[in-house]
Amino acid sequence: MVWQVLEMLEAGAPVEEIITSFITPLTKEHIKAALNYASIIARGSDNVVIGIEKHKTKIPA
């Protein structure tokens, strides 16, 4: 179910639509729990955090 919630959020579905889309309606706490779970997985020990420094570059006209 977590992947379904994440895909719906990524597709731009409003939270209220997600809540009522399942046979057993979800709550906002369920949505937050899905996001928290995804965050924990993405932050796993096998992941490497890369910092990207942004530079303002002038492009000649």
N, C-alpha and C. Protein backbone atom coordinates (compact mmCIF):
# COMPACT_ATOMS: atom_id res chain seq x y z
N MET A 1 0.81 -1.19 0.00
CA MET A 1 0.00 0.00 0.00
C MET A 1 0.86 1.26 0.00
N VAL A 2 2.03 1.21 0.61
CA VAL A 2 2.90 2.40 0.64
C VAL A 2 3.23 2.85 -0.77
N TRP A 3 3.59 1.91 -1.63
CA TRP A 3 3.97 2.29 -2.99
C TRP A 3 2.80 2.93 -3.73
N GLN A 4 1.58 2.47 -3.45
CA GLN A 4 0.41 3.05 -4.12
C GLN A 4 0.20 4.49 -3.67
N VAL A 5 0.34 4.73 -2.38
CA VAL A 5 0.19 6.09 -1.86
C VAL A 5 1.25 7.00 -2.47
N LEU A 6 2.50 6.52 -2.52
CA LEU A 6 3.59 7.33 -3.07
C LEU A 6 3.37 7.62 -4.55
N GLU A 7 2.93 6.63 -5.31
CA GLU A 7 2.67 6.84 -6.73
C GLU A 7 1.53 7.85 -6.94
N MET A 8 0.52 7.77 -6.11
CA MET A 8 -0.60 8.70 -6.24
C MET A 8 -0.16 10.12 -5.90
N LEU A 9 0.66 10.27 -4.86
CA LEU A 9 1.19 11.59 -4.51
C LEU A 9 2.05 12.14 -5.64
N GLU A 10 2.90 11.29 -6.20
CA GLU A 10 3.79 11.70 -7.29
C GLU A 10 2.98 12.14 -8.52
N ALA A 11 1.84 11.48 -8.73
CA ALA A 11 0.99 11.82 -9.87
C ALA A 11 0.17 13.08 -9.63
N GLY A 12 0.24 13.61 -8.40
CA GLY A 12 -0.47 14.84 -8.11
C GLY A 12 -1.85 14.67 -7.51
N ALA A 13 -2.18 13.46 -7.10
CA ALA A 13 -3.50 13.23 -6.50
C ALA A 13 -3.60 13.97 -5.16
N PRO A 14 -4.71 14.65 -4.94
CA PRO A 14 -4.90 15.32 -3.65
C PRO A 14 -5.00 14.29 -2.52
N VAL A 15 -4.55 14.66 -1.34
CA VAL A 15 -4.57 13.76 -0.19
C VAL A 15 -5.98 13.24 0.06
N GLU A 16 -6.97 14.10 -0.06
CA GLU A 16 -8.36 13.68 0.18
C GLU A 16 -8.78 12.57 -0.79
N GLU A 17 -8.31 12.64 -2.03
CA GLU A 17 -8.62 11.59 -3.01
C GLU A 17 -7.95 10.28 -2.62
N ILE A 18 -6.71 10.36 -2.19
CA ILE A 18 -5.98 9.16 -1.77
C ILE A 18 -6.68 8.52 -0.59
N ILE A 19 -7.08 9.33 0.37
CA ILE A 19 -7.73 8.82 1.58
C ILE A 19 -8.96 7.98 1.24
N THR A 20 -9.73 8.39 0.25
CA THR A 20 -10.98 7.69 -0.08
C THR A 20 -10.83 6.65 -1.19
N SER A 21 -9.62 6.47 -1.73
CA SER A 21 -9.42 5.57 -2.87
C SER A 21 -9.30 4.10 -2.48
N PHE A 22 -9.11 3.82 -1.23
CA PHE A 22 -8.91 2.44 -0.80
C PHE A 22 -10.20 1.89 -0.20
N ILE A 23 -10.34 0.56 -0.21
CA ILE A 23 -11.55 -0.09 0.33
C ILE A 23 -11.78 0.36 1.77
N THR A 24 -10.73 0.29 2.57
CA THR A 24 -10.78 0.84 3.92
C THR A 24 -10.16 2.22 3.85
N PRO A 25 -10.96 3.27 4.02
CA PRO A 25 -10.41 4.63 3.88
C PRO A 25 -9.21 4.87 4.80
N LEU A 26 -8.25 5.59 4.27
CA LEU A 26 -7.05 5.94 5.02
C LEU A 26 -7.29 7.23 5.79
N THR A 27 -6.32 7.56 6.63
CA THR A 27 -6.35 8.84 7.33
C THR A 27 -5.10 9.62 6.91
N LYS A 28 -5.05 10.88 7.27
CA LYS A 28 -3.85 11.67 6.98
C LYS A 28 -2.64 11.07 7.69
N GLU A 29 -2.86 10.44 8.83
CA GLU A 29 -1.77 9.79 9.56
C GLU A 29 -1.20 8.62 8.76
N HIS A 30 -2.05 7.91 8.01
CA HIS A 30 -1.57 6.83 7.14
C HIS A 30 -0.67 7.39 6.05
N ILE A 31 -1.06 8.52 5.46
CA ILE A 31 -0.27 9.15 4.41
C ILE A 31 1.08 9.58 4.97
N LYS A 32 1.07 10.19 6.15
CA LYS A 32 2.32 10.61 6.79
C LYS A 32 3.20 9.40 7.10
N ALA A 33 2.59 8.30 7.53
CA ALA A 33 3.36 7.09 7.83
C ALA A 33 4.00 6.53 6.56
N ALA A 34 3.30 6.58 5.43
CA ALA A 34 3.86 6.11 4.16
C ALA A 34 5.06 6.97 3.76
N LEU A 35 4.94 8.28 3.93
CA LEU A 35 6.06 9.18 3.60
C LEU A 35 7.23 8.95 4.55
N ASN A 36 6.96 8.73 5.82
CA ASN A 36 8.01 8.46 6.78
C ASN A 36 8.74 7.16 6.44
N TYR A 37 7.98 6.12 6.09
CA TYR A 37 8.58 4.84 5.71
C TYR A 37 9.47 5.00 4.49
N ALA A 38 8.99 5.72 3.48
CA ALA A 38 9.78 5.95 2.27
C ALA A 38 11.06 6.71 2.61
N SER A 39 10.97 7.66 3.50
CA SER A 39 12.14 8.43 3.92
C SER A 39 13.17 7.54 4.60
N ILE A 40 12.70 6.65 5.47
CA ILE A 40 13.61 5.72 6.16
C ILE A 40 14.30 4.81 5.16
N ILE A 41 13.56 4.29 4.19
CA ILE A 41 14.14 3.40 3.18
C ILE A 41 15.16 4.16 2.33
N ALA A 42 14.81 5.37 1.89
CA ALA A 42 15.70 6.16 1.04
C ALA A 42 16.96 6.58 1.78
N ARG A 43 16.87 6.72 3.08
CA ARG A 43 18.00 7.15 3.89
C ARG A 43 18.85 5.96 4.34
N GLY A 44 18.54 4.77 3.88
CA GLY A 44 19.22 3.55 4.31
C GLY A 44 20.73 3.64 4.27
N SER A 45 21.38 2.73 4.95
CA SER A 45 22.84 2.76 5.09
C SER A 45 23.58 2.52 3.78
N ASP A 46 22.92 1.96 2.79
CA ASP A 46 23.57 1.70 1.51
C ASP A 46 23.56 2.91 0.58
N ASN A 47 22.86 3.97 0.98
CA ASN A 47 22.76 5.15 0.14
C ASN A 47 23.89 6.12 0.42
N VAL A 48 24.28 6.84 -0.61
CA VAL A 48 25.32 7.86 -0.50
C VAL A 48 24.68 9.22 -0.75
N VAL A 49 24.93 10.15 0.15
CA VAL A 49 24.40 11.50 -0.01
C VAL A 49 25.42 12.33 -0.77
N ILE A 50 24.98 12.95 -1.86
CA ILE A 50 25.86 13.75 -2.69
C ILE A 50 25.38 15.19 -2.63
N GLY A 51 26.28 16.09 -2.29
CA GLY A 51 25.95 17.51 -2.29
C GLY A 51 26.29 18.11 -3.65
N ILE A 52 25.38 18.89 -4.17
CA ILE A 52 25.61 19.54 -5.46
C ILE A 52 25.60 21.04 -5.23
N GLU A 53 26.71 21.67 -5.53
CA GLU A 53 26.81 23.11 -5.37
C GLU A 53 26.29 23.78 -6.63
N LYS A 54 25.37 24.72 -6.44
CA LYS A 54 24.79 25.42 -7.58
C LYS A 54 25.60 26.68 -7.87
N HIS A 55 25.88 26.90 -9.14
CA HIS A 55 26.61 28.09 -9.57
C HIS A 55 25.73 28.87 -10.54
N LYS A 56 25.76 30.17 -10.40
CA LYS A 56 25.06 31.01 -11.36
C LYS A 56 26.01 31.28 -12.51
N THR A 57 25.64 30.81 -13.67
CA THR A 57 26.48 30.97 -14.85
C THR A 57 25.78 31.90 -15.83
N LYS A 58 26.52 32.90 -16.28
CA LYS A 58 25.96 33.80 -17.28
C LYS A 58 26.19 33.20 -18.66
N ILE A 59 25.12 33.14 -19.41
CA ILE A 59 25.22 32.61 -20.77
C ILE A 59 25.26 33.80 -21.72
N PRO A 60 26.30 33.87 -22.57
CA PRO A 60 26.39 35.00 -23.50
C PRO A 60 25.21 35.01 -24.46
N ALA A 61 24.76 36.22 -24.79
CA ALA A 61 23.61 36.37 -25.70
C ALA A 61 24.04 36.15 -27.13
